[in-house]
N, C-alpha and C. Protein backbone atom coordinates (compact mmCIF):
# COMPACT_ATOMS: atom_id res chain seq x y z
N MET A 1 104.75 -58.53 116.51
CA MET A 1 103.78 -57.38 116.09
C MET A 1 102.92 -56.96 117.10
N LEU A 2 102.90 -56.03 117.71
CA LEU A 2 101.85 -55.61 118.86
C LEU A 2 100.40 -55.32 118.40
N THR A 3 99.67 -56.10 119.15
CA THR A 3 98.20 -56.19 118.87
C THR A 3 97.23 -54.99 119.70
N VAL A 4 96.47 -54.22 119.31
CA VAL A 4 95.58 -53.61 120.44
C VAL A 4 94.37 -53.97 120.30
N ILE A 5 93.70 -54.47 121.31
CA ILE A 5 92.23 -55.37 121.06
C ILE A 5 91.51 -54.03 121.81
N CYS A 6 90.04 -54.05 121.39
CA CYS A 6 89.04 -53.79 122.32
C CYS A 6 87.92 -54.75 122.39
N VAL A 7 86.88 -54.53 123.20
CA VAL A 7 85.37 -55.33 123.19
C VAL A 7 84.34 -54.34 122.80
N LEU A 8 83.27 -54.63 121.73
CA LEU A 8 82.16 -54.09 121.78
C LEU A 8 81.00 -55.11 121.67
N LYS A 9 80.45 -54.81 122.96
CA LYS A 9 79.42 -55.91 122.98
C LYS A 9 77.67 -54.82 122.77
N SER A 10 77.09 -55.48 121.59
CA SER A 10 75.57 -54.78 121.20
C SER A 10 74.80 -54.55 122.43
N GLY A 11 74.13 -53.07 122.28
CA GLY A 11 73.08 -53.39 123.33
C GLY A 11 73.37 -52.62 124.44
N GLY A 12 74.22 -51.93 124.29
CA GLY A 12 74.24 -50.93 125.86
C GLY A 12 75.04 -49.69 125.03
N ILE A 13 75.47 -48.92 125.73
CA ILE A 13 75.57 -47.07 125.58
C ILE A 13 76.94 -46.98 124.02
N TYR A 14 78.00 -48.24 123.90
CA TYR A 14 78.63 -48.16 123.03
C TYR A 14 77.98 -48.39 121.64
N ASP A 15 78.62 -48.17 120.53
CA ASP A 15 78.48 -48.35 119.29
C ASP A 15 79.92 -48.49 118.62
N ALA A 16 79.59 -48.68 117.07
CA ALA A 16 80.92 -48.85 116.33
C ALA A 16 81.42 -47.49 116.49
N SER A 17 80.77 -46.36 116.48
CA SER A 17 81.52 -44.95 116.23
C SER A 17 83.04 -45.03 117.63
N TRP A 18 82.64 -45.76 118.79
CA TRP A 18 83.55 -45.80 119.91
C TRP A 18 84.69 -46.79 119.54
N VAL A 19 84.46 -47.89 118.76
CA VAL A 19 85.56 -48.56 118.19
C VAL A 19 87.21 -47.43 117.48
N GLU A 20 85.84 -46.84 116.11
CA GLU A 20 86.56 -46.02 115.44
C GLU A 20 87.44 -44.86 116.20
N LYS A 21 87.18 -44.17 117.29
CA LYS A 21 88.09 -43.16 117.90
C LYS A 21 89.04 -43.86 118.79
N LEU A 22 88.46 -45.15 119.15
CA LEU A 22 90.02 -45.52 119.92
C LEU A 22 90.90 -46.03 118.88
N LYS A 23 90.52 -46.46 117.71
CA LYS A 23 91.08 -46.75 116.77
C LYS A 23 92.44 -45.89 116.32
N ASN A 24 91.56 -44.58 115.56
CA ASN A 24 92.50 -43.68 115.37
C ASN A 24 93.14 -42.96 116.79
N GLY A 25 92.90 -43.34 118.15
CA GLY A 25 93.55 -42.65 118.87
C GLY A 25 94.85 -43.11 119.38
N VAL A 26 94.73 -44.95 118.91
CA VAL A 26 95.95 -45.63 118.97
C VAL A 26 96.53 -44.90 117.39
N SER A 27 96.30 -45.60 116.91
CA SER A 27 97.13 -44.83 115.21
C SER A 27 98.08 -43.64 115.49
N ARG A 28 97.20 -42.55 116.19
CA ARG A 28 98.35 -41.40 116.21
C ARG A 28 99.09 -41.37 117.27
N ASN A 29 99.16 -42.38 118.17
CA ASN A 29 99.79 -42.65 119.05
C ASN A 29 100.86 -44.05 119.16
N LEU A 30 100.82 -44.79 118.34
CA LEU A 30 101.68 -45.97 118.23
C LEU A 30 102.43 -46.06 116.70
N HIS A 31 103.40 -45.67 117.09
CA HIS A 31 104.39 -45.29 115.48
C HIS A 31 105.27 -46.54 115.79
N ARG A 32 104.75 -47.41 115.67
CA ARG A 32 105.30 -48.99 115.18
C ARG A 32 104.17 -49.79 114.45
N PRO A 33 104.55 -50.81 113.66
CA PRO A 33 103.72 -51.70 113.00
C PRO A 33 102.73 -52.27 114.36
N HIS A 34 101.56 -52.39 114.16
CA HIS A 34 100.98 -53.05 114.99
C HIS A 34 99.36 -53.40 114.25
N LYS A 35 98.60 -54.06 114.75
CA LYS A 35 97.16 -54.43 114.67
C LYS A 35 96.34 -53.81 115.35
N PHE A 36 94.91 -53.63 115.00
CA PHE A 36 94.24 -53.28 115.50
C PHE A 36 92.65 -53.94 115.42
N VAL A 37 92.18 -54.59 116.75
CA VAL A 37 91.33 -55.99 116.14
C VAL A 37 89.88 -55.17 117.00
N CYS A 38 88.98 -56.14 117.12
CA CYS A 38 87.96 -55.39 118.15
C CYS A 38 87.32 -56.95 118.25
N LEU A 39 86.90 -57.42 119.43
CA LEU A 39 86.12 -58.56 119.65
C LEU A 39 84.66 -58.05 119.76
N SER A 40 83.64 -58.54 118.77
CA SER A 40 82.30 -57.76 118.60
C SER A 40 81.12 -59.01 118.14
N ASP A 41 80.05 -58.71 118.40
CA ASP A 41 79.05 -59.38 117.80
C ASP A 41 78.59 -58.11 116.69
N VAL A 42 79.12 -57.26 116.04
CA VAL A 42 78.62 -56.41 115.24
C VAL A 42 79.49 -55.67 114.71
N GLU A 43 79.56 -55.21 113.41
CA GLU A 43 80.45 -54.83 112.27
C GLU A 43 80.94 -53.72 113.08
N VAL A 44 82.41 -53.85 112.52
CA VAL A 44 83.14 -52.40 113.68
C VAL A 44 83.85 -51.84 111.91
N PRO A 45 84.81 -51.10 112.55
CA PRO A 45 85.46 -50.16 111.24
C PRO A 45 86.93 -51.10 111.60
N CYS A 46 87.18 -52.18 111.96
CA CYS A 46 88.75 -52.50 111.89
C CYS A 46 88.47 -54.17 111.67
N GLU A 47 89.54 -55.18 112.41
CA GLU A 47 89.84 -56.42 111.83
C GLU A 47 88.39 -56.73 113.02
N ARG A 48 87.58 -57.72 113.17
CA ARG A 48 86.52 -58.04 114.05
C ARG A 48 86.73 -59.79 114.15
N ILE A 49 87.30 -59.95 115.28
CA ILE A 49 87.11 -61.57 115.84
C ILE A 49 85.63 -61.74 116.63
N PRO A 50 84.77 -62.47 116.01
CA PRO A 50 83.49 -62.69 116.87
C PRO A 50 83.34 -63.35 118.16
N LEU A 51 82.38 -62.39 118.99
CA LEU A 51 82.12 -63.04 120.16
C LEU A 51 81.36 -64.33 120.33
N ILE A 52 81.03 -65.15 120.55
CA ILE A 52 80.96 -66.72 120.71
C ILE A 52 79.51 -66.93 121.52
N HIS A 53 79.82 -65.83 122.66
CA HIS A 53 78.68 -65.97 123.42
C HIS A 53 77.72 -64.73 123.67
N ASP A 54 76.71 -64.93 124.54
CA ASP A 54 75.97 -63.67 124.44
C ASP A 54 75.86 -63.15 126.16
N TRP A 55 77.05 -63.05 126.21
CA TRP A 55 77.19 -62.71 128.09
C TRP A 55 77.01 -61.36 127.97
N PRO A 56 76.49 -60.59 128.94
CA PRO A 56 76.22 -59.19 128.56
C PRO A 56 77.13 -58.11 129.39
N GLY A 57 77.16 -56.90 128.68
CA GLY A 57 78.10 -55.75 129.11
C GLY A 57 79.25 -56.72 129.27
N TRP A 58 80.41 -55.95 130.48
CA TRP A 58 81.10 -55.86 130.66
C TRP A 58 81.98 -57.77 130.69
N TRP A 59 80.55 -58.55 130.95
CA TRP A 59 81.04 -59.58 131.02
C TRP A 59 81.82 -60.70 129.93
N SER A 60 81.16 -59.87 128.78
CA SER A 60 81.65 -59.82 127.05
C SER A 60 83.34 -60.24 127.53
N LYS A 61 84.16 -59.31 128.22
CA LYS A 61 85.34 -58.98 128.05
C LYS A 61 85.97 -60.56 128.69
N ILE A 62 85.30 -60.91 129.47
CA ILE A 62 85.90 -62.66 129.64
C ILE A 62 86.18 -63.20 128.31
N GLU A 63 86.02 -63.10 127.13
CA GLU A 63 86.09 -63.55 125.85
C GLU A 63 87.55 -63.58 125.84
N LEU A 64 88.15 -62.60 126.08
CA LEU A 64 89.67 -62.22 125.85
C LEU A 64 90.31 -63.21 126.13
N PHE A 65 90.12 -63.95 127.25
CA PHE A 65 90.59 -65.47 127.68
C PHE A 65 90.59 -66.68 126.98
N ARG A 66 89.85 -66.29 126.01
CA ARG A 66 89.22 -67.59 125.08
C ARG A 66 90.94 -68.02 124.18
N PRO A 67 90.94 -69.31 124.34
CA PRO A 67 91.80 -69.99 123.66
C PRO A 67 91.44 -69.20 121.91
N GLY A 68 92.62 -68.88 121.14
CA GLY A 68 93.07 -68.77 119.88
C GLY A 68 92.33 -67.24 119.67
N VAL A 69 91.86 -66.58 120.71
CA VAL A 69 91.26 -64.77 120.26
C VAL A 69 92.86 -64.13 120.34
N ILE A 70 93.98 -64.12 121.56
CA ILE A 70 94.65 -63.69 121.74
C ILE A 70 96.35 -64.51 121.58
N THR A 71 96.76 -64.30 120.39
CA THR A 71 98.26 -65.06 119.64
C THR A 71 98.86 -64.39 119.80
N THR A 72 99.39 -63.30 120.22
CA THR A 72 100.70 -62.23 120.24
C THR A 72 101.00 -61.16 121.35
N ASP A 73 101.57 -60.40 121.76
CA ASP A 73 101.50 -59.52 122.77
C ASP A 73 100.43 -58.80 122.40
N THR A 74 99.67 -58.06 123.22
CA THR A 74 98.37 -57.52 123.02
C THR A 74 98.43 -56.88 124.20
N LEU A 75 97.87 -55.52 124.08
CA LEU A 75 97.20 -54.14 124.52
C LEU A 75 95.53 -54.49 124.76
N TYR A 76 95.00 -54.41 125.87
CA TYR A 76 93.61 -54.28 125.97
C TYR A 76 92.97 -53.10 126.23
N LEU A 77 92.14 -52.39 125.80
CA LEU A 77 91.49 -51.11 126.39
C LEU A 77 90.09 -50.95 126.00
N ASP A 78 89.55 -50.24 127.08
CA ASP A 78 88.20 -50.46 127.31
C ASP A 78 87.80 -49.30 126.13
N LEU A 79 86.80 -49.60 125.74
CA LEU A 79 86.32 -48.27 124.98
C LEU A 79 85.99 -46.72 125.46
N ASP A 80 85.84 -46.76 126.44
CA ASP A 80 85.96 -45.36 126.83
C ASP A 80 87.22 -44.78 127.73
N THR A 81 88.13 -45.35 126.60
CA THR A 81 89.63 -44.65 127.57
C THR A 81 90.23 -43.54 125.85
N VAL A 82 90.77 -42.79 126.29
CA VAL A 82 91.44 -42.27 125.28
C VAL A 82 93.12 -41.87 125.55
N VAL A 83 93.55 -42.21 124.02
CA VAL A 83 94.92 -42.25 124.36
C VAL A 83 95.41 -40.95 123.93
N THR A 84 96.28 -40.71 124.52
CA THR A 84 96.97 -38.77 124.40
C THR A 84 98.46 -38.83 124.41
N GLY A 85 99.31 -39.89 124.50
CA GLY A 85 100.58 -39.75 124.25
C GLY A 85 101.07 -41.08 123.62
N ASP A 86 102.33 -41.15 123.25
CA ASP A 86 103.13 -42.20 123.02
C ASP A 86 102.92 -43.43 123.58
N ILE A 87 102.03 -44.48 123.15
CA ILE A 87 101.95 -45.84 124.15
C ILE A 87 103.45 -46.96 123.06
N GLY A 88 104.32 -46.80 122.70
CA GLY A 88 105.22 -47.72 122.18
C GLY A 88 105.75 -48.11 122.81
N ASP A 89 105.78 -47.95 124.23
CA ASP A 89 106.67 -48.35 125.13
C ASP A 89 105.86 -49.94 125.47
N PHE A 90 104.83 -49.93 125.32
CA PHE A 90 104.21 -51.12 125.74
C PHE A 90 104.69 -52.17 124.97
N ALA A 91 105.42 -52.18 123.78
CA ALA A 91 106.18 -53.20 122.95
C ALA A 91 107.11 -53.66 123.39
N GLY A 92 107.64 -53.16 124.61
CA GLY A 92 108.93 -53.56 125.04
C GLY A 92 108.16 -54.43 126.71
N VAL A 93 106.67 -54.48 126.70
CA VAL A 93 106.86 -54.83 128.26
C VAL A 93 106.97 -56.41 128.23
N GLU A 94 107.42 -56.84 129.30
CA GLU A 94 107.81 -58.72 129.36
C GLU A 94 107.36 -58.97 130.89
N CYS A 95 105.94 -59.38 130.57
CA CYS A 95 105.39 -59.58 131.53
C CYS A 95 104.16 -60.90 130.99
N ASP A 96 103.96 -61.79 131.79
CA ASP A 96 102.73 -62.70 131.07
C ASP A 96 101.63 -61.78 130.94
N PHE A 97 100.91 -61.53 132.05
CA PHE A 97 99.87 -60.78 132.30
C PHE A 97 99.49 -59.50 133.13
N ALA A 98 99.26 -58.41 132.98
CA ALA A 98 99.21 -57.26 134.21
C ALA A 98 97.68 -56.58 133.79
N MET A 99 97.70 -56.21 135.05
CA MET A 99 96.17 -55.11 134.84
C MET A 99 96.55 -53.82 135.03
N LEU A 100 95.48 -53.01 135.58
CA LEU A 100 95.85 -51.95 136.28
C LEU A 100 95.63 -51.98 137.83
N ARG A 101 96.40 -51.22 138.30
CA ARG A 101 95.95 -50.57 139.57
C ARG A 101 95.37 -50.16 139.70
N ASN A 102 94.27 -50.49 140.66
CA ASN A 102 92.78 -49.52 140.86
C ASN A 102 92.76 -48.26 141.15
N PHE A 103 92.21 -47.25 140.64
CA PHE A 103 92.55 -45.90 140.86
C PHE A 103 92.16 -45.65 142.34
N ASN A 104 90.95 -46.36 142.89
CA ASN A 104 90.09 -45.88 143.96
C ASN A 104 90.54 -47.04 145.01
N ASN A 105 90.84 -48.10 144.63
CA ASN A 105 91.61 -48.91 145.59
C ASN A 105 92.78 -49.70 145.17
N PRO A 106 93.94 -49.19 145.67
CA PRO A 106 95.83 -49.67 145.39
C PRO A 106 95.66 -51.21 145.54
N ASP A 107 94.70 -51.89 146.22
CA ASP A 107 94.67 -53.57 146.80
C ASP A 107 94.11 -53.99 145.36
N MET A 108 93.00 -53.31 144.88
CA MET A 108 92.44 -53.83 143.74
C MET A 108 92.99 -53.77 142.33
N VAL A 109 92.72 -54.57 141.65
CA VAL A 109 92.37 -54.53 139.91
C VAL A 109 91.52 -53.66 139.32
N GLY A 110 91.71 -52.94 138.12
CA GLY A 110 91.20 -52.58 137.07
C GLY A 110 91.15 -53.15 135.94
N SER A 111 90.22 -53.78 135.17
CA SER A 111 90.32 -54.46 133.87
C SER A 111 90.15 -53.33 132.28
N GLY A 112 90.24 -51.90 133.07
CA GLY A 112 90.31 -51.20 131.51
C GLY A 112 91.44 -51.32 130.80
N VAL A 113 92.47 -51.64 131.23
CA VAL A 113 93.80 -51.72 130.66
C VAL A 113 94.49 -52.70 130.95
N MET A 114 94.68 -53.99 130.08
CA MET A 114 95.10 -55.33 130.72
C MET A 114 96.26 -55.39 129.72
N TRP A 115 97.34 -56.39 129.75
CA TRP A 115 98.27 -56.47 128.92
C TRP A 115 98.30 -58.03 129.27
N PHE A 116 98.51 -58.82 127.88
CA PHE A 116 98.39 -60.39 127.64
C PHE A 116 100.26 -60.48 126.85
N GLY A 117 100.70 -61.14 128.00
CA GLY A 117 102.06 -61.34 126.80
C GLY A 117 101.63 -63.10 126.82
N LYS A 118 101.34 -63.35 127.82
CA LYS A 118 100.64 -65.07 127.74
C LYS A 118 99.26 -65.39 128.57
N VAL A 119 98.20 -65.64 127.61
CA VAL A 119 96.89 -65.42 128.30
C VAL A 119 96.65 -66.37 129.14
N PRO A 120 96.24 -66.23 130.56
CA PRO A 120 95.47 -67.08 131.41
C PRO A 120 94.26 -67.63 131.15
N HIS A 121 94.15 -68.79 130.29
CA HIS A 121 93.04 -69.25 129.79
C HIS A 121 91.84 -69.68 130.89
N LYS A 122 92.32 -70.12 132.15
CA LYS A 122 91.58 -70.53 132.96
C LYS A 122 90.62 -69.75 133.44
N VAL A 123 90.76 -68.30 133.27
CA VAL A 123 89.44 -67.21 133.67
C VAL A 123 88.55 -67.46 132.47
N TYR A 124 88.77 -67.79 131.41
CA TYR A 124 87.12 -68.20 130.64
C TYR A 124 87.13 -69.44 131.01
N GLU A 125 88.37 -70.58 130.80
CA GLU A 125 87.41 -71.99 131.49
C GLU A 125 86.75 -72.01 132.35
N LYS A 126 86.89 -71.08 133.77
CA LYS A 126 86.09 -71.43 134.83
C LYS A 126 85.36 -70.86 134.41
N PHE A 127 84.57 -69.10 134.17
CA PHE A 127 83.56 -68.70 133.85
C PHE A 127 82.62 -69.26 132.78
N ALA A 128 82.86 -70.18 132.23
CA ALA A 128 82.22 -70.38 130.84
C ALA A 128 81.30 -71.95 131.07
N ARG A 129 82.04 -72.22 132.52
CA ARG A 129 81.47 -73.45 133.48
C ARG A 129 80.03 -73.41 133.38
N GLN A 130 79.80 -72.42 134.52
CA GLN A 130 78.36 -71.79 134.85
C GLN A 130 78.53 -69.96 134.74
N PRO A 131 78.40 -69.71 133.61
CA PRO A 131 78.29 -68.13 133.44
C PRO A 131 77.28 -67.33 134.20
N ASP A 132 75.85 -67.99 134.53
CA ASP A 132 74.85 -67.45 134.93
C ASP A 132 75.39 -67.07 136.66
N ALA A 133 75.60 -68.30 136.79
CA ALA A 133 75.95 -68.37 138.46
C ALA A 133 77.04 -67.21 138.92
N TYR A 134 77.65 -67.21 138.12
CA TYR A 134 78.92 -66.37 138.31
C TYR A 134 78.57 -64.74 138.32
N ILE A 135 77.76 -64.24 137.23
CA ILE A 135 77.40 -63.34 137.51
C ILE A 135 76.07 -62.68 138.08
N ALA A 136 75.46 -63.87 138.34
CA ALA A 136 74.52 -63.25 139.69
C ALA A 136 75.19 -63.31 141.12
N HIS A 137 76.46 -64.07 141.28
CA HIS A 137 77.00 -63.99 142.24
C HIS A 137 77.51 -62.46 142.55
N TYR A 138 78.33 -61.93 141.57
CA TYR A 138 79.28 -60.97 141.13
C TYR A 138 77.95 -59.88 141.44
N GLU A 139 76.69 -59.84 141.17
CA GLU A 139 75.78 -58.52 141.50
C GLU A 139 75.42 -58.79 142.61
N ARG A 140 75.44 -59.94 143.21
CA ARG A 140 74.89 -60.09 144.35
C ARG A 140 76.07 -59.22 145.25
N ASN A 141 77.34 -59.28 145.31
CA ASN A 141 78.17 -58.91 146.30
C ASN A 141 79.31 -57.88 145.68
N ARG A 142 78.57 -57.19 144.81
CA ARG A 142 79.33 -55.68 144.38
C ARG A 142 79.84 -55.30 145.63
N ASN A 143 80.78 -54.79 145.49
CA ASN A 143 81.11 -53.45 146.55
C ASN A 143 82.09 -52.38 146.09
N GLY A 144 81.92 -51.51 145.62
CA GLY A 144 82.75 -50.06 145.23
C GLY A 144 83.42 -50.75 143.90
N THR A 145 84.73 -51.12 143.97
CA THR A 145 85.26 -51.31 143.12
C THR A 145 85.84 -53.13 142.95
N TYR A 146 85.23 -53.65 143.40
CA TYR A 146 84.72 -54.92 143.84
C TYR A 146 83.53 -55.33 142.91
N VAL A 147 83.83 -55.44 141.57
CA VAL A 147 82.69 -55.26 140.53
C VAL A 147 82.86 -56.17 139.24
N GLY A 148 81.60 -56.79 138.73
CA GLY A 148 82.18 -57.54 137.34
C GLY A 148 82.94 -58.46 137.19
N ASP A 149 83.64 -58.43 135.95
CA ASP A 149 84.49 -59.03 135.51
C ASP A 149 85.70 -58.95 136.19
N GLN A 150 86.25 -57.56 136.21
CA GLN A 150 87.43 -57.28 137.34
C GLN A 150 87.62 -57.85 138.55
N ALA A 151 86.48 -57.84 139.13
CA ALA A 151 86.26 -59.15 140.43
C ALA A 151 86.38 -60.38 140.07
N PHE A 152 85.67 -60.93 139.14
CA PHE A 152 86.20 -62.05 138.83
C PHE A 152 87.56 -62.61 138.63
N ILE A 153 88.27 -61.75 137.67
CA ILE A 153 89.64 -61.91 137.14
C ILE A 153 90.15 -62.21 138.18
N SER A 154 90.33 -60.97 139.41
CA SER A 154 90.83 -61.11 140.17
C SER A 154 90.93 -62.33 141.14
N ASP A 155 89.68 -62.39 141.86
CA ASP A 155 89.31 -64.03 142.48
C ASP A 155 90.03 -65.30 141.78
N THR A 156 90.02 -65.10 140.29
CA THR A 156 90.61 -66.42 140.25
C THR A 156 92.29 -66.62 139.63
N LEU A 157 92.87 -64.87 139.69
CA LEU A 157 94.16 -65.49 139.71
C LEU A 157 94.93 -64.91 140.66
N GLY A 158 94.25 -63.98 141.33
CA GLY A 158 94.89 -63.77 142.59
C GLY A 158 96.33 -62.75 142.62
N ALA A 159 97.41 -63.86 143.67
CA ALA A 159 98.58 -62.99 143.88
C ALA A 159 98.94 -63.17 142.38
N ASP A 160 98.51 -63.87 141.19
CA ASP A 160 99.18 -64.07 139.93
C ASP A 160 99.31 -62.65 138.97
N ILE A 161 98.64 -61.59 139.47
CA ILE A 161 98.43 -60.48 138.46
C ILE A 161 99.32 -59.52 138.75
N GLU A 162 100.46 -59.08 137.94
CA GLU A 162 100.70 -57.68 138.37
C GLU A 162 100.16 -56.68 137.69
N ARG A 163 100.54 -55.43 137.93
CA ARG A 163 100.38 -54.20 137.87
C ARG A 163 100.84 -53.66 136.89
N LEU A 164 100.02 -52.97 136.31
CA LEU A 164 100.70 -52.22 134.78
C LEU A 164 101.55 -51.17 135.35
N ASP A 165 101.68 -50.15 136.47
CA ASP A 165 102.24 -49.55 136.44
C ASP A 165 103.63 -49.90 137.09
N GLY A 166 103.71 -50.75 136.72
CA GLY A 166 105.53 -51.29 137.12
C GLY A 166 106.60 -51.55 135.47
N TYR A 167 105.40 -51.42 134.37
CA TYR A 167 106.10 -51.53 133.18
C TYR A 167 105.78 -50.52 132.49
N PHE A 168 104.78 -49.51 132.39
CA PHE A 168 104.56 -48.38 131.53
C PHE A 168 103.86 -47.43 132.68
N ASP A 169 104.63 -46.02 132.42
CA ASP A 169 104.26 -45.15 133.37
C ASP A 169 103.31 -43.99 132.54
N GLY A 170 101.71 -43.22 132.64
CA GLY A 170 101.32 -42.71 131.89
C GLY A 170 99.65 -42.84 131.79
N ILE A 171 99.55 -44.04 132.67
CA ILE A 171 97.70 -44.11 132.45
C ILE A 171 97.36 -43.72 133.88
N ARG A 172 96.40 -42.78 133.33
CA ARG A 172 96.08 -41.67 134.65
C ARG A 172 94.15 -41.95 134.49
N SER A 173 93.63 -41.41 135.40
CA SER A 173 92.26 -41.71 135.58
C SER A 173 91.48 -40.14 135.29
N TYR A 174 90.52 -40.05 134.52
CA TYR A 174 90.01 -38.62 134.28
C TYR A 174 89.47 -38.39 135.42
N LYS A 175 88.74 -38.83 136.18
CA LYS A 175 88.19 -38.42 137.27
C LYS A 175 89.36 -38.31 138.52
N VAL A 176 90.06 -38.56 138.39
CA VAL A 176 91.51 -38.66 139.49
C VAL A 176 92.01 -37.27 139.73
N HIS A 177 93.01 -37.66 138.17
CA HIS A 177 94.14 -36.85 138.01
C HIS A 177 93.53 -35.80 136.83
N CYS A 178 92.71 -35.88 135.62
CA CYS A 178 92.25 -34.71 134.93
C CYS A 178 91.47 -33.91 134.52
N ARG A 179 90.05 -33.89 135.67
CA ARG A 179 89.13 -32.85 135.50
C ARG A 179 89.55 -31.30 135.21
N LYS A 180 90.70 -31.13 135.85
CA LYS A 180 91.01 -29.93 135.60
C LYS A 180 92.09 -29.47 134.57
N PHE A 181 92.59 -30.62 134.40
CA PHE A 181 93.61 -30.54 132.93
C PHE A 181 94.11 -31.39 132.73
N LEU A 182 94.83 -31.66 131.53
CA LEU A 182 95.39 -33.09 131.03
C LEU A 182 96.94 -32.99 131.30
N PRO A 183 97.20 -33.93 132.50
CA PRO A 183 98.95 -33.60 133.06
C PRO A 183 99.85 -34.11 131.90
N GLU A 184 100.85 -33.56 131.93
CA GLU A 184 101.96 -33.88 130.64
C GLU A 184 102.51 -35.17 130.60
N ASP A 185 102.18 -35.72 131.74
CA ASP A 185 102.88 -37.34 131.89
C ASP A 185 101.58 -37.95 131.37
N ALA A 186 100.30 -37.72 130.95
CA ALA A 186 99.28 -38.73 130.85
C ALA A 186 99.51 -39.46 129.00
N ARG A 187 99.33 -40.49 128.98
CA ARG A 187 99.29 -41.17 127.99
C ARG A 187 98.04 -41.96 127.50
N ILE A 188 97.54 -42.63 128.34
CA ILE A 188 96.15 -43.30 128.63
C ILE A 188 95.25 -42.23 129.53
N VAL A 189 94.15 -42.18 129.03
CA VAL A 189 93.19 -41.49 130.21
C VAL A 189 91.63 -42.46 130.21
N CYS A 190 91.86 -43.08 131.24
CA CYS A 190 90.83 -44.08 131.93
C CYS A 190 89.59 -43.41 132.38
N PHE A 191 88.57 -43.73 131.47
CA PHE A 191 86.96 -43.44 131.87
C PHE A 191 85.91 -44.43 132.69
N HIS A 192 86.78 -44.50 133.74
CA HIS A 192 85.57 -45.79 134.46
C HIS A 192 84.37 -44.96 135.37
N GLY A 193 83.66 -45.52 134.78
CA GLY A 193 82.33 -44.69 135.44
C GLY A 193 81.95 -43.51 134.72
N ASN A 194 81.36 -42.60 135.70
CA ASN A 194 80.74 -41.44 134.91
C ASN A 194 81.88 -40.42 135.29
N PRO A 195 81.92 -38.92 134.51
CA PRO A 195 81.28 -38.90 132.99
C PRO A 195 82.06 -39.92 132.17
N ARG A 196 81.64 -39.85 130.93
CA ARG A 196 81.88 -40.48 129.86
C ARG A 196 82.85 -39.69 128.63
N PRO A 197 83.61 -39.88 128.04
CA PRO A 197 84.11 -39.37 126.95
C PRO A 197 83.09 -38.18 126.36
N THR A 198 81.97 -38.77 125.70
CA THR A 198 80.87 -38.05 125.22
C THR A 198 80.55 -36.87 126.05
N GLU A 199 80.60 -36.62 127.37
CA GLU A 199 80.04 -35.75 128.12
C GLU A 199 81.05 -34.74 128.32
N VAL A 200 82.57 -34.67 128.47
CA VAL A 200 83.50 -34.02 128.52
C VAL A 200 83.80 -32.84 127.18
N ALA A 201 83.70 -31.86 127.09
CA ALA A 201 83.85 -30.79 126.29
C ALA A 201 85.49 -30.25 126.34
N THR A 202 86.43 -30.60 126.78
CA THR A 202 87.44 -29.85 127.19
C THR A 202 88.34 -29.76 125.98
N PRO A 203 89.06 -29.05 125.26
CA PRO A 203 90.05 -28.89 123.96
C PRO A 203 90.65 -29.70 123.59
N TRP A 204 91.39 -30.40 125.16
CA TRP A 204 92.37 -31.63 124.99
C TRP A 204 91.26 -32.86 124.52
N MET A 205 90.40 -32.83 125.11
CA MET A 205 89.12 -33.93 124.59
C MET A 205 89.00 -34.06 123.03
N GLN A 206 88.82 -33.20 122.61
CA GLN A 206 88.35 -32.78 120.95
C GLN A 206 89.81 -32.94 120.28
N GLN A 207 90.70 -32.77 120.92
CA GLN A 207 92.13 -33.21 119.78
C GLN A 207 92.34 -34.56 120.03
N HIS A 208 92.11 -35.33 121.35
CA HIS A 208 92.74 -36.50 121.26
C HIS A 208 91.72 -37.88 120.93
N TRP A 209 90.07 -37.50 121.37
CA TRP A 209 89.40 -38.60 121.01
C TRP A 209 88.09 -37.64 119.77
N SER A 210 88.74 -38.45 119.02
CA SER A 210 88.19 -37.98 117.53
C SER A 210 88.33 -39.12 116.57
């Protein structure tokens, strides 16, 4: 069975209502048996896996790589992701681990959508040894798309990271592809940075993010 997972860390702009909208979007567009879960430190409207660290913001996504969290084929989606079409093809993805090709810098990766066939636990194990030092390092050295958890994952796994566009077509960026209209081939729309889904009031957003 395919699992779809998201992460909600309290204290930021996201709350359980974002989890519910993402869950609804997945349910409308994944027409096969699946499980929707959230890695979180607060109550959510789905099965919850507790966060065990108090890592801030996007750094909580590193717990996805914690042993025991992901145990089956799993699709990860950021909370500011809008599912607009059939995502059943993910059930046929055959690779250990894949990330987005960064929309702004094709040589880099993005962590807004990730695929886990086999979890590279060394990402968690490395970060957990000295999280404060890594957070400080990546804050000091952030540069464009080289930022936060996706920069750490990229530095840790390097050439071992496959790109999702080699397995699944239809992941689009709101800022790059969808400002004027929703492309017919869009199945997942990523809102990386501003605007957020709450700031877009187009008819297609009202249809797909509810």
